[in-house]
Amino acid sequence: MHPELPVASFVCAILVLLPLPWHWRAGTVPTISISLWLFLCNFINGVNTIIWSGNVRVVAPVWCDIVTKILLGANVALPASIFCLCIHLERISSVRQAETSLRQKRTRQIIDSIVCLPVPLVYMALHYIVQGHRFDIVEDFGCRAAVYVSVPAVIIVWVPQLFFSVGSLILSALAFRNFWARRITFARHLQQSNSGLTASRYFKLMAMSVVQMFWVVTITSVSMAFSMKFGVKPYTSWDDVHYGFSKIGLFPTWVIPKYHVIMSHLLWWMCTPVSSILFVAFFAFGEDAVKEYRAVYNGIRKHIFRRPDSGTLLTYKSETKSK
């Protein structure tokens, strides 16, 4: 039994939502997308690790049909969101103004929304081409998407993740070049670009993008190596690959080699909990986050406990002392 798995999942699910109000008001679609996708993945993993703790019973097949696709879509949704964010940061740092009008901002938000949601949905649909059977159930981890490891699987499942990651790397390098070229006047340049970003917020977003980008490449590389440990199968025909499609693979711990169990734990922690912690580390403890926490605290004091907020209380105390 591994009680730490659901605990870590649900704690991370809560943590990734902490920066959401600020990003929602700022209208930064990529960071909103990252927060929501990580929340979904953590919540699903938490439920899976509870249902299939110490067993491989087929108790929720429809749930597995749905969540295996969502978890698979998150593999490309996260790097795609970082890619959109890097496009935005590079545009802001260049001589081009990022947001010269509300209409341009709305257009960028629409494009970002298309990349962050419909693109992962298409990715989920294409997975059926290399989905050899319905899904797998691994003891303690729950249901997982089935992939017929072949050349088409490499192209469909792993190449899109690497494509967005490499694209993010190039855009990050261009953004850093632009910053270095005008490093002395960069704060004023951000103000003139009408982006609504300060220098500290800009570098926080840039640092998060770079760290997450390298982390995605690491996860993708480890996942590819682990999945192709027995080589690549020939994709003979559609009927051959999808023969016996209704099969559900069951993998209790006692039939899995110890090395595979260790790798399953490693990939599970790398894919979602660690990615969530990296995301939260950049946003949950900054000045904007502290303001959010203070606003929530004051709201609870005022509307639930019927007490004045901390700012009003401090003002009242100072006026009392002066009298």
C-alpha atoms as a PDB file:
ATOM      1  CA  MET A   1       0.000   0.000   0.000  1.00  0.00           C
ATOM      2  CA  HIS A   2       1.203   3.496  -0.816  1.00  0.00           C
ATOM      3  CA  PRO A   3      -0.905   6.091   1.041  1.00  0.00           C
ATOM      4  CA  GLU A   4       1.568   8.813   0.012  1.00  0.00           C
ATOM      5  CA  LEU A   5       0.347   8.619  -3.596  1.00  0.00           C
ATOM      6  CA  PRO A   6      -3.232   9.927  -3.111  1.00  0.00           C
ATOM      7  CA  VAL A   7      -2.087  12.373  -0.414  1.00  0.00           C
ATOM      8  CA  ALA A   8       0.523  13.899  -2.739  1.00  0.00           C
ATOM      9  CA  SER A   9      -1.983  14.034  -5.605  1.00  0.00           C
ATOM     10  CA  PHE A  10      -4.730  15.863  -3.729  1.00  0.00           C
ATOM     11  CA  VAL A  11      -2.317  18.251  -2.004  1.00  0.00           C
ATOM     12  CA  CYS A  12      -0.795  19.170  -5.382  1.00  0.00           C
ATOM     13  CA  ALA A  13      -4.283  19.511  -6.872  1.00  0.00           C
ATOM     14  CA  ILE A  14      -5.042  22.213  -4.294  1.00  0.00           C
ATOM     15  CA  LEU A  15      -1.657  23.914  -4.592  1.00  0.00           C
ATOM     16  CA  VAL A  16      -1.789  24.390  -8.387  1.00  0.00           C
ATOM     17  CA  LEU A  17      -5.076  26.304  -8.006  1.00  0.00           C
ATOM     18  CA  LEU A  18      -3.569  28.901  -5.624  1.00  0.00           C
ATOM     19  CA  PRO A  19      -2.109  31.157  -8.386  1.00  0.00           C
ATOM     20  CA  LEU A  20      -5.210  30.755 -10.587  1.00  0.00           C
ATOM     21  CA  PRO A  21      -7.118  33.947  -9.530  1.00  0.00           C
ATOM     22  CA  TRP A  22      -4.210  36.245 -10.411  1.00  0.00           C
ATOM     23  CA  HIS A  23      -3.639  34.567 -13.801  1.00  0.00           C
ATOM     24  CA  TRP A  24      -7.384  34.636 -14.494  1.00  0.00           C
ATOM     25  CA  ARG A  25      -7.577  38.389 -13.910  1.00  0.00           C
ATOM     26  CA  ALA A  26      -4.420  38.927 -15.957  1.00  0.00           C
ATOM     27  CA  GLY A  27      -5.961  36.902 -18.790  1.00  0.00           C
ATOM     28  CA  THR A  28      -2.793  34.812 -19.259  1.00  0.00           C
ATOM     29  CA  VAL A  29      -4.300  31.793 -21.010  1.00  0.00           C
ATOM     30  CA  PRO A  30      -1.149  29.584 -21.024  1.00  0.00           C
ATOM     31  CA  THR A  31      -0.643  29.778 -17.241  1.00  0.00           C
ATOM     32  CA  ILE A  32      -4.369  29.229 -16.667  1.00  0.00           C
ATOM     33  CA  SER A  33      -4.120  26.176 -18.917  1.00  0.00           C
ATOM     34  CA  ILE A  34      -1.100  24.802 -17.045  1.00  0.00           C
ATOM     35  CA  SER A  35      -2.865  25.250 -13.707  1.00  0.00           C
ATOM     36  CA  LEU A  36      -6.083  23.531 -14.833  1.00  0.00           C
ATOM     37  CA  TRP A  37      -4.372  20.644 -16.641  1.00  0.00           C
ATOM     38  CA  LEU A  38      -2.169  19.948 -13.612  1.00  0.00           C
ATOM     39  CA  PHE A  39      -5.241  20.067 -11.381  1.00  0.00           C
ATOM     40  CA  LEU A  40      -7.037  17.509 -13.575  1.00  0.00           C
ATOM     41  CA  CYS A  41      -4.011  15.197 -13.646  1.00  0.00           C
ATOM     42  CA  ASN A  42      -3.511  15.373  -9.877  1.00  0.00           C
ATOM     43  CA  PHE A  43      -7.194  14.795  -9.165  1.00  0.00           C
ATOM     44  CA  ILE A  44      -7.364  11.827 -11.549  1.00  0.00           C
ATOM     45  CA  ASN A  45      -4.178  10.312 -10.118  1.00  0.00           C
ATOM     46  CA  GLY A  46      -5.525  10.750  -6.596  1.00  0.00           C
ATOM     47  CA  VAL A  47      -8.755   8.911  -7.440  1.00  0.00           C
ATOM     48  CA  ASN A  48      -6.885   6.184  -9.325  1.00  0.00           C
ATOM     49  CA  THR A  49      -4.452   5.490  -6.499  1.00  0.00           C
ATOM     50  CA  ILE A  50      -7.367   5.123  -4.061  1.00  0.00           C
ATOM     51  CA  ILE A  51      -9.513   2.837  -6.242  1.00  0.00           C
ATOM     52  CA  TRP A  52      -6.660   0.568  -7.313  1.00  0.00           C
ATOM     53  CA  SER A  53      -4.630   0.545  -4.111  1.00  0.00           C
ATOM     54  CA  GLY A  54      -3.426  -3.063  -3.798  1.00  0.00           C
ATOM     55  CA  ASN A  55      -5.685  -4.435  -6.557  1.00  0.00           C
ATOM     56  CA  VAL A  56      -6.277  -4.566 -10.324  1.00  0.00           C
ATOM     57  CA  ARG A  57     -10.035  -5.126 -10.325  1.00  0.00           C
ATOM     58  CA  VAL A  58     -11.963  -3.775 -13.317  1.00  0.00           C
ATOM     59  CA  VAL A  59     -14.402  -1.661 -11.298  1.00  0.00           C
ATOM     60  CA  ALA A  60     -14.668   1.555 -13.329  1.00  0.00           C
ATOM     61  CA  PRO A  61     -14.063   0.865 -17.040  1.00  0.00           C
ATOM     62  CA  VAL A  62     -15.877   3.976 -18.325  1.00  0.00           C
ATOM     63  CA  TRP A  63     -13.890   6.144 -15.899  1.00  0.00           C
ATOM     64  CA  CYS A  64     -10.694   4.602 -17.291  1.00  0.00           C
ATOM     65  CA  ASP A  65     -11.779   5.195 -20.898  1.00  0.00           C
ATOM     66  CA  ILE A  66     -12.166   8.902 -20.119  1.00  0.00           C
ATOM     67  CA  VAL A  67      -9.269   9.634 -17.770  1.00  0.00           C
ATOM     68  CA  THR A  68      -6.634   7.746 -19.759  1.00  0.00           C
ATOM     69  CA  LYS A  69      -7.342  10.092 -22.659  1.00  0.00           C
ATOM     70  CA  ILE A  70      -7.204  13.166 -20.397  1.00  0.00           C
ATOM     71  CA  LEU A  71      -3.889  12.091 -18.851  1.00  0.00           C
ATOM     72  CA  LEU A  72      -2.523  11.437 -22.333  1.00  0.00           C
ATOM     73  CA  GLY A  73      -3.730  14.828 -23.570  1.00  0.00           C
ATOM     74  CA  ALA A  74      -1.973  16.532 -20.668  1.00  0.00           C
ATOM     75  CA  ASN A  75       1.337  15.198 -21.993  1.00  0.00           C
ATOM     76  CA  VAL A  76       1.078  17.587 -24.934  1.00  0.00           C
ATOM     77  CA  ALA A  77      -1.123  20.256 -23.315  1.00  0.00           C
ATOM     78  CA  LEU A  78       1.565  21.288 -20.816  1.00  0.00           C
ATOM     79  CA  PRO A  79       4.420  21.789 -23.332  1.00  0.00           C
ATOM     80  CA  ALA A  80       1.946  23.438 -25.737  1.00  0.00           C
ATOM     81  CA  SER A  81       0.946  25.907 -23.008  1.00  0.00           C
ATOM     82  CA  ILE A  82       4.593  26.680 -22.261  1.00  0.00           C
ATOM     83  CA  PHE A  83       5.157  27.177 -26.008  1.00  0.00           C
ATOM     84  CA  CYS A  84       2.338  29.763 -26.139  1.00  0.00           C
ATOM     85  CA  LEU A  85       3.736  31.508 -23.084  1.00  0.00           C
ATOM     86  CA  CYS A  86       7.203  31.685 -24.642  1.00  0.00           C
ATOM     87  CA  ILE A  87       5.721  33.185 -27.818  1.00  0.00           C
ATOM     88  CA  HIS A  88       4.113  35.884 -25.681  1.00  0.00           C
ATOM     89  CA  LEU A  89       7.302  36.570 -23.711  1.00  0.00           C
ATOM     90  CA  GLU A  90       9.446  36.751 -26.849  1.00  0.00           C
ATOM     91  CA  ARG A  91       7.009  39.149 -28.479  1.00  0.00           C
ATOM     92  CA  ILE A  92       7.003  41.396 -25.414  1.00  0.00           C
ATOM     93  CA  SER A  93      10.799  41.476 -25.240  1.00  0.00           C
ATOM     94  CA  SER A  94      11.195  42.320 -28.924  1.00  0.00           C
ATOM     95  CA  VAL A  95      10.696  45.636 -30.673  1.00  0.00           C
ATOM     96  CA  ARG A  96       7.186  44.498 -31.537  1.00  0.00           C
ATOM     97  CA  GLN A  97       4.569  45.615 -29.035  1.00  0.00           C
ATOM     98  CA  ALA A  98       2.817  42.635 -27.478  1.00  0.00           C
ATOM     99  CA  GLU A  99      -0.581  44.253 -26.876  1.00  0.00           C
ATOM    100  CA  THR A 100      -1.233  47.523 -28.683  1.00  0.00           C
ATOM    101  CA  SER A 101      -4.986  47.176 -28.335  1.00  0.00           C
ATOM    102  CA  LEU A 102      -7.672  45.177 -26.551  1.00  0.00           C
ATOM    103  CA  ARG A 103      -8.564  43.531 -29.863  1.00  0.00           C
ATOM    104  CA  GLN A 104      -5.017  42.206 -30.331  1.00  0.00           C
ATOM    105  CA  LYS A 105      -5.037  40.890 -26.775  1.00  0.00           C
ATOM    106  CA  ARG A 106      -8.310  39.054 -27.396  1.00  0.00           C
ATOM    107  CA  THR A 107      -6.939  37.610 -30.646  1.00  0.00           C
ATOM    108  CA  ARG A 108      -3.867  36.299 -28.838  1.00  0.00           C
ATOM    109  CA  GLN A 109      -6.055  34.786 -26.103  1.00  0.00           C
ATOM    110  CA  ILE A 110      -8.175  33.004 -28.712  1.00  0.00           C
ATOM    111  CA  ILE A 111      -5.092  31.566 -30.439  1.00  0.00           C
ATOM    112  CA  ASP A 112      -3.637  30.473 -27.096  1.00  0.00           C
ATOM    113  CA  SER A 113      -6.955  28.831 -26.164  1.00  0.00           C
ATOM    114  CA  ILE A 114      -6.956  26.876 -29.438  1.00  0.00           C
ATOM    115  CA  VAL A 115      -3.428  25.580 -28.836  1.00  0.00           C
ATOM    116  CA  CYS A 116      -4.047  24.784 -25.157  1.00  0.00           C
ATOM    117  CA  LEU A 117      -7.336  22.868 -25.613  1.00  0.00           C
ATOM    118  CA  PRO A 118      -8.320  21.786 -29.171  1.00  0.00           C
ATOM    119  CA  VAL A 119      -4.753  20.707 -29.997  1.00  0.00           C
ATOM    120  CA  PRO A 120      -4.656  18.274 -27.033  1.00  0.00           C
ATOM    121  CA  LEU A 121      -8.116  17.025 -28.042  1.00  0.00           C
ATOM    122  CA  VAL A 122      -6.828  16.241 -31.537  1.00  0.00           C
ATOM    123  CA  TYR A 123      -3.806  14.567 -29.930  1.00  0.00           C
ATOM    124  CA  MET A 124      -6.155  12.378 -27.862  1.00  0.00           C
ATOM    125  CA  ALA A 125      -8.115  11.404 -30.973  1.00  0.00           C
ATOM    126  CA  LEU A 126      -4.962  10.514 -32.937  1.00  0.00           C
ATOM    127  CA  HIS A 127      -3.885   8.229 -30.094  1.00  0.00           C
ATOM    128  CA  TYR A 128      -6.519   5.740 -31.276  1.00  0.00           C
ATOM    129  CA  ILE A 129      -4.296   4.992 -34.287  1.00  0.00           C
ATOM    130  CA  VAL A 130      -1.702   3.416 -31.975  1.00  0.00           C
ATOM    131  CA  GLN A 131      -4.061   2.240 -29.221  1.00  0.00           C
ATOM    132  CA  GLY A 132      -3.588  -1.510 -29.317  1.00  0.00           C
ATOM    133  CA  HIS A 133      -6.268  -2.264 -26.713  1.00  0.00           C
ATOM    134  CA  ARG A 134      -8.698  -0.484 -24.431  1.00  0.00           C
ATOM    135  CA  PHE A 135      -6.388   0.377 -21.499  1.00  0.00           C
ATOM    136  CA  ASP A 136      -4.161  -1.105 -18.798  1.00  0.00           C
ATOM    137  CA  ILE A 137      -4.634  -1.264 -15.035  1.00  0.00           C
ATOM    138  CA  VAL A 138      -1.469  -1.218 -12.941  1.00  0.00           C
ATOM    139  CA  GLU A 139      -1.725  -2.072  -9.256  1.00  0.00           C
ATOM    140  CA  ASP A 140      -1.452   0.990  -6.962  1.00  0.00           C
ATOM    141  CA  PHE A 141      -1.448   3.389  -9.945  1.00  0.00           C
ATOM    142  CA  GLY A 142      -4.736   2.647 -11.684  1.00  0.00           C
ATOM    143  CA  CYS A 143      -5.619   2.822 -15.352  1.00  0.00           C
ATOM    144  CA  ARG A 144      -3.170   3.895 -18.033  1.00  0.00           C
ATOM    145  CA  ALA A 145      -3.436   4.520 -21.753  1.00  0.00           C
ATOM    146  CA  ALA A 146      -2.382   1.620 -23.958  1.00  0.00           C
ATOM    147  CA  VAL A 147       0.164   2.412 -26.669  1.00  0.00           C
ATOM    148  CA  TYR A 148       1.227   0.050 -29.450  1.00  0.00           C
ATOM    149  CA  VAL A 149       4.921   0.945 -29.482  1.00  0.00           C
ATOM    150  CA  SER A 150       5.805   1.488 -33.134  1.00  0.00           C
ATOM    151  CA  VAL A 151       7.110   4.188 -35.455  1.00  0.00           C
ATOM    152  CA  PRO A 152       3.642   5.814 -35.752  1.00  0.00           C
ATOM    153  CA  ALA A 153       3.445   5.803 -31.929  1.00  0.00           C
ATOM    154  CA  VAL A 154       6.744   7.684 -31.699  1.00  0.00           C
ATOM    155  CA  ILE A 155       5.452  10.277 -34.177  1.00  0.00           C
ATOM    156  CA  ILE A 156       2.002  10.640 -32.610  1.00  0.00           C
ATOM    157  CA  VAL A 157       2.706  10.260 -28.878  1.00  0.00           C
ATOM    158  CA  TRP A 158       6.207  11.618 -28.262  1.00  0.00           C
ATOM    159  CA  VAL A 159       7.252  13.860 -31.165  1.00  0.00           C
ATOM    160  CA  PRO A 160       4.593  16.571 -30.451  1.00  0.00           C
ATOM    161  CA  GLN A 161       5.877  16.927 -26.883  1.00  0.00           C
ATOM    162  CA  LEU A 162       9.456  17.329 -28.108  1.00  0.00           C
ATOM    163  CA  PHE A 163       8.340  19.711 -30.876  1.00  0.00           C
ATOM    164  CA  PHE A 164       6.706  22.140 -28.436  1.00  0.00           C
ATOM    165  CA  SER A 165       9.634  21.801 -26.019  1.00  0.00           C
ATOM    166  CA  VAL A 166      12.259  22.582 -28.675  1.00  0.00           C
ATOM    167  CA  GLY A 167      10.110  25.461 -29.927  1.00  0.00           C
ATOM    168  CA  SER A 168       9.933  26.827 -26.384  1.00  0.00           C
ATOM    169  CA  LEU A 169      13.716  26.544 -26.091  1.00  0.00           C
ATOM    170  CA  ILE A 170      14.239  28.591 -29.258  1.00  0.00           C
ATOM    171  CA  LEU A 171      11.741  31.260 -28.200  1.00  0.00           C
ATOM    172  CA  SER A 172      13.291  31.463 -24.722  1.00  0.00           C
ATOM    173  CA  ALA A 173      16.717  32.004 -26.267  1.00  0.00           C
ATOM    174  CA  LEU A 174      15.324  34.784 -28.486  1.00  0.00           C
ATOM    175  CA  ALA A 175      13.608  36.422 -25.507  1.00  0.00           C
ATOM    176  CA  PHE A 176      16.834  36.355 -23.516  1.00  0.00           C
ATOM    177  CA  ARG A 177      18.711  37.859 -26.480  1.00  0.00           C
ATOM    178  CA  ASN A 178      16.159  40.675 -26.671  1.00  0.00           C
ATOM    179  CA  PHE A 179      16.468  41.296 -22.953  1.00  0.00           C
ATOM    180  CA  TRP A 180      20.260  41.413 -23.114  1.00  0.00           C
ATOM    181  CA  ALA A 181      20.122  43.885 -25.986  1.00  0.00           C
ATOM    182  CA  ARG A 182      18.034  46.352 -23.928  1.00  0.00           C
ATOM    183  CA  ARG A 183      18.787  45.186 -20.388  1.00  0.00           C
ATOM    184  CA  ILE A 184      19.350  48.733 -19.091  1.00  0.00           C
ATOM    185  CA  THR A 185      15.952  50.018 -20.239  1.00  0.00           C
ATOM    186  CA  PHE A 186      14.047  46.718 -20.064  1.00  0.00           C
ATOM    187  CA  ALA A 187      11.633  47.818 -17.320  1.00  0.00           C
ATOM    188  CA  ARG A 188      10.640  50.887 -19.347  1.00  0.00           C
ATOM    189  CA  HIS A 189      10.352  48.740 -22.467  1.00  0.00           C
ATOM    190  CA  LEU A 190       7.880  46.433 -20.672  1.00  0.00           C
ATOM    191  CA  GLN A 191       5.813  49.440 -19.645  1.00  0.00           C
ATOM    192  CA  GLN A 192       5.761  50.799 -23.197  1.00  0.00           C
ATOM    193  CA  SER A 193       4.713  47.412 -24.598  1.00  0.00           C
ATOM    194  CA  ASN A 194       1.357  47.620 -22.739  1.00  0.00           C
ATOM    195  CA  SER A 195       1.785  44.017 -21.601  1.00  0.00           C
ATOM    196  CA  GLY A 196       0.806  44.632 -17.991  1.00  0.00           C
ATOM    197  CA  LEU A 197       3.974  42.859 -16.827  1.00  0.00           C
ATOM    198  CA  THR A 198       6.614  44.181 -14.497  1.00  0.00           C
ATOM    199  CA  ALA A 199      10.224  43.066 -14.814  1.00  0.00           C
ATOM    200  CA  SER A 200       9.877  40.696 -11.835  1.00  0.00           C
ATOM    201  CA  ARG A 201       6.723  39.082 -13.261  1.00  0.00           C
ATOM    202  CA  TYR A 202       8.335  38.751 -16.668  1.00  0.00           C
ATOM    203  CA  PHE A 203      11.408  36.969 -15.308  1.00  0.00           C
ATOM    204  CA  LYS A 204       9.246  34.769 -13.102  1.00  0.00           C
ATOM    205  CA  LEU A 205       7.269  33.602 -16.142  1.00  0.00           C
ATOM    206  CA  MET A 206      10.468  33.155 -18.142  1.00  0.00           C
ATOM    207  CA  ALA A 207      12.172  31.150 -15.398  1.00  0.00           C
ATOM    208  CA  MET A 208       9.102  28.931 -14.959  1.00  0.00           C
ATOM    209  CA  SER A 209       8.928  28.315 -18.713  1.00  0.00           C
ATOM    210  CA  VAL A 210      12.589  27.338 -18.988  1.00  0.00           C
ATOM    211  CA  VAL A 211      12.494  25.022 -15.962  1.00  0.00           C
ATOM    212  CA  GLN A 212       9.243  23.348 -17.057  1.00  0.00           C
ATOM    213  CA  MET A 213      10.559  23.025 -20.612  1.00  0.00           C
ATOM    214  CA  PHE A 214      13.675  21.132 -19.537  1.00  0.00           C
ATOM    215  CA  TRP A 215      11.575  19.055 -17.150  1.00  0.00           C
ATOM    216  CA  VAL A 216       9.166  18.060 -19.961  1.00  0.00           C
ATOM    217  CA  VAL A 217      12.099  17.023 -22.155  1.00  0.00           C
ATOM    218  CA  THR A 218      13.471  14.912 -19.296  1.00  0.00           C
ATOM    219  CA  ILE A 219      10.118  13.219 -18.647  1.00  0.00           C
ATOM    220  CA  THR A 220       9.531  12.579 -22.358  1.00  0.00           C
ATOM    221  CA  SER A 221      12.998  11.091 -22.809  1.00  0.00           C
ATOM    222  CA  VAL A 222      12.652   8.795 -19.788  1.00  0.00           C
ATOM    223  CA  SER A 223       9.139   7.761 -20.871  1.00  0.00           C
ATOM    224  CA  MET A 224      10.305   6.967 -24.419  1.00  0.00           C
ATOM    225  CA  ALA A 225      13.266   4.948 -23.186  1.00  0.00           C
ATOM    226  CA  PHE A 226      11.092   2.999 -20.738  1.00  0.00           C
ATOM    227  CA  SER A 227       8.312   2.351 -23.285  1.00  0.00           C
ATOM    228  CA  MET A 228      10.731   1.201 -26.003  1.00  0.00           C
ATOM    229  CA  LYS A 229      12.845  -1.012 -23.747  1.00  0.00           C
ATOM    230  CA  PHE A 230      11.768  -4.057 -25.771  1.00  0.00           C
ATOM    231  CA  GLY A 231      12.191  -2.341 -29.125  1.00  0.00           C
ATOM    232  CA  VAL A 232       9.747  -0.973 -31.678  1.00  0.00           C
ATOM    233  CA  LYS A 233       7.071  -3.230 -33.179  1.00  0.00           C
ATOM    234  CA  PRO A 234       6.155  -3.132 -36.869  1.00  0.00           C
ATOM    235  CA  TYR A 235       2.873  -1.408 -37.638  1.00  0.00           C
ATOM    236  CA  THR A 236       1.598  -4.133 -39.983  1.00  0.00           C
ATOM    237  CA  SER A 237      -2.027  -3.113 -40.504  1.00  0.00           C
ATOM    238  CA  TRP A 238      -4.925  -1.358 -38.784  1.00  0.00           C
ATOM    239  CA  ASP A 239      -6.778  -4.633 -38.176  1.00  0.00           C
ATOM    240  CA  ASP A 240      -3.699  -6.315 -36.749  1.00  0.00           C
ATOM    241  CA  VAL A 241      -2.886  -3.476 -34.337  1.00  0.00           C
ATOM    242  CA  HIS A 242      -6.507  -3.194 -33.126  1.00  0.00           C
ATOM    243  CA  TYR A 243      -7.203  -6.933 -32.939  1.00  0.00           C
ATOM    244  CA  GLY A 244      -8.851  -7.744 -29.605  1.00  0.00           C
ATOM    245  CA  PHE A 245      -9.283  -4.054 -28.876  1.00  0.00           C
ATOM    246  CA  SER A 246     -11.679  -4.648 -25.944  1.00  0.00           C
ATOM    247  CA  LYS A 247      -8.876  -6.304 -23.951  1.00  0.00           C
ATOM    248  CA  ILE A 248      -7.947  -4.693 -20.624  1.00  0.00           C
ATOM    249  CA  GLY A 249      -4.382  -5.348 -19.509  1.00  0.00           C
ATOM    250  CA  LEU A 250      -4.056  -6.195 -15.802  1.00  0.00           C
ATOM    251  CA  PHE A 251      -0.677  -5.790 -14.102  1.00  0.00           C
ATOM    252  CA  PRO A 252      -0.528  -6.738 -10.410  1.00  0.00           C
ATOM    253  CA  THR A 253       2.730  -5.860  -8.669  1.00  0.00           C
ATOM    254  CA  TRP A 254       3.791  -9.477  -8.196  1.00  0.00           C
ATOM    255  CA  VAL A 255       4.022 -10.085 -11.972  1.00  0.00           C
ATOM    256  CA  ILE A 256       5.919  -6.858 -12.720  1.00  0.00           C
ATOM    257  CA  PRO A 257       9.739  -6.918 -12.533  1.00  0.00           C
ATOM    258  CA  LYS A 258      11.100  -4.861  -9.659  1.00  0.00           C
ATOM    259  CA  TYR A 259      12.894  -2.521 -12.086  1.00  0.00           C
ATOM    260  CA  HIS A 260       9.593  -1.757 -13.838  1.00  0.00           C
ATOM    261  CA  VAL A 261       7.883  -1.046 -10.510  1.00  0.00           C
ATOM    262  CA  ILE A 262      10.645   1.407  -9.600  1.00  0.00           C
ATOM    263  CA  MET A 263      10.374   3.113 -12.998  1.00  0.00           C
ATOM    264  CA  SER A 264       6.594   3.310 -12.673  1.00  0.00           C
ATOM    265  CA  HIS A 265       6.969   5.097  -9.351  1.00  0.00           C
ATOM    266  CA  LEU A 266       9.641   7.402 -10.793  1.00  0.00           C
ATOM    267  CA  LEU A 267       7.580   8.381 -13.824  1.00  0.00           C
ATOM    268  CA  TRP A 268       4.438   8.848 -11.723  1.00  0.00           C
ATOM    269  CA  TRP A 269       6.188  11.316  -9.416  1.00  0.00           C
ATOM    270  CA  MET A 270       7.996  13.081 -12.265  1.00  0.00           C
ATOM    271  CA  CYS A 271       4.974  13.556 -14.524  1.00  0.00           C
ATOM    272  CA  THR A 272       2.551  15.276 -12.166  1.00  0.00           C
ATOM    273  CA  PRO A 273       3.537  15.913  -8.520  1.00  0.00           C
ATOM    274  CA  VAL A 274       7.020  17.266  -9.260  1.00  0.00           C
ATOM    275  CA  SER A 275       5.742  19.264 -12.256  1.00  0.00           C
ATOM    276  CA  SER A 276       3.054  20.739  -9.996  1.00  0.00           C
ATOM    277  CA  ILE A 277       5.563  21.670  -7.303  1.00  0.00           C
ATOM    278  CA  LEU A 278       7.788  23.371  -9.875  1.00  0.00           C
ATOM    279  CA  PHE A 279       4.823  25.381 -11.139  1.00  0.00           C
ATOM    280  CA  VAL A 280       3.675  26.368  -7.645  1.00  0.00           C
ATOM    281  CA  ALA A 281       7.199  27.304  -6.541  1.00  0.00           C
ATOM    282  CA  PHE A 282       7.264  30.200  -9.023  1.00  0.00           C
ATOM    283  CA  PHE A 283       3.844  31.656  -8.236  1.00  0.00           C
ATOM    284  CA  ALA A 284       2.485  30.623  -4.828  1.00  0.00           C
ATOM    285  CA  PHE A 285       4.911  32.613  -2.689  1.00  0.00           C
ATOM    286  CA  GLY A 286       5.444  35.849  -4.626  1.00  0.00           C
ATOM    287  CA  GLU A 287       4.085  39.315  -3.954  1.00  0.00           C
ATOM    288  CA  ASP A 288       0.989  38.737  -6.103  1.00  0.00           C
ATOM    289  CA  ALA A 289       0.194  35.502  -4.292  1.00  0.00           C
ATOM    290  CA  VAL A 290       0.551  37.142  -0.873  1.00  0.00           C
ATOM    291  CA  LYS A 291      -1.930  39.829  -1.966  1.00  0.00           C
ATOM    292  CA  GLU A 292      -4.358  37.077  -3.029  1.00  0.00           C
ATOM    293  CA  TYR A 293      -4.041  35.296   0.310  1.00  0.00           C
ATOM    294  CA  ARG A 294      -4.547  38.570   2.189  1.00  0.00           C
ATOM    295  CA  ALA A 295      -7.650  39.364   0.124  1.00  0.00           C
ATOM    296  CA  VAL A 296      -9.130  35.920   0.835  1.00  0.00           C
ATOM    297  CA  TYR A 297      -8.302  36.251   4.535  1.00  0.00           C
ATOM    298  CA  ASN A 298      -9.920  39.683   4.716  1.00  0.00           C
ATOM    299  CA  GLY A 299     -12.965  38.404   2.856  1.00  0.00           C
ATOM    300  CA  ILE A 300     -13.408  35.569   5.343  1.00  0.00           C
ATOM    301  CA  ARG A 301     -13.031  37.973   8.288  1.00  0.00           C
ATOM    302  CA  LYS A 302     -15.505  40.448   6.830  1.00  0.00           C
ATOM    303  CA  HIS A 303     -18.233  38.197   5.395  1.00  0.00           C
ATOM    304  CA  ILE A 304     -18.078  35.126   7.627  1.00  0.00           C
ATOM    305  CA  PHE A 305     -16.830  36.350  10.996  1.00  0.00           C
ATOM    306  CA  ARG A 306     -18.251  39.872  10.515  1.00  0.00           C
ATOM    307  CA  ARG A 307     -14.989  41.539  11.479  1.00  0.00           C
ATOM    308  CA  PRO A 308     -13.166  44.396   9.689  1.00  0.00           C
ATOM    309  CA  ASP A 309     -10.336  43.373   7.383  1.00  0.00           C
ATOM    310  CA  SER A 310      -6.746  43.587   8.577  1.00  0.00           C
ATOM    311  CA  GLY A 311      -6.091  46.845   6.687  1.00  0.00           C
ATOM    312  CA  THR A 312      -9.081  48.590   8.291  1.00  0.00           C
ATOM    313  CA  LEU A 313      -8.108  47.222  11.698  1.00  0.00           C
ATOM    314  CA  LEU A 314      -4.560  48.560  11.392  1.00  0.00           C
ATOM    315  CA  THR A 315      -5.877  51.987  10.359  1.00  0.00           C
ATOM    316  CA  TYR A 316      -8.251  52.042  13.347  1.00  0.00           C
ATOM    317  CA  LYS A 317      -5.457  51.130  15.764  1.00  0.00           C
ATOM    318  CA  SER A 318      -3.148  53.835  14.399  1.00  0.00           C
ATOM    319  CA  GLU A 319      -5.907  56.456  14.698  1.00  0.00           C
ATOM    320  CA  THR A 320      -6.609  55.376  18.284  1.00  0.00           C
ATOM    321  CA  LYS A 321      -2.949  55.714  19.240  1.00  0.00           C
ATOM    322  CA  SER A 322      -2.716  59.174  17.686  1.00  0.00           C
ATOM    323  CA  LYS A 323      -5.668  60.350  19.804  1.00  0.00           C
END
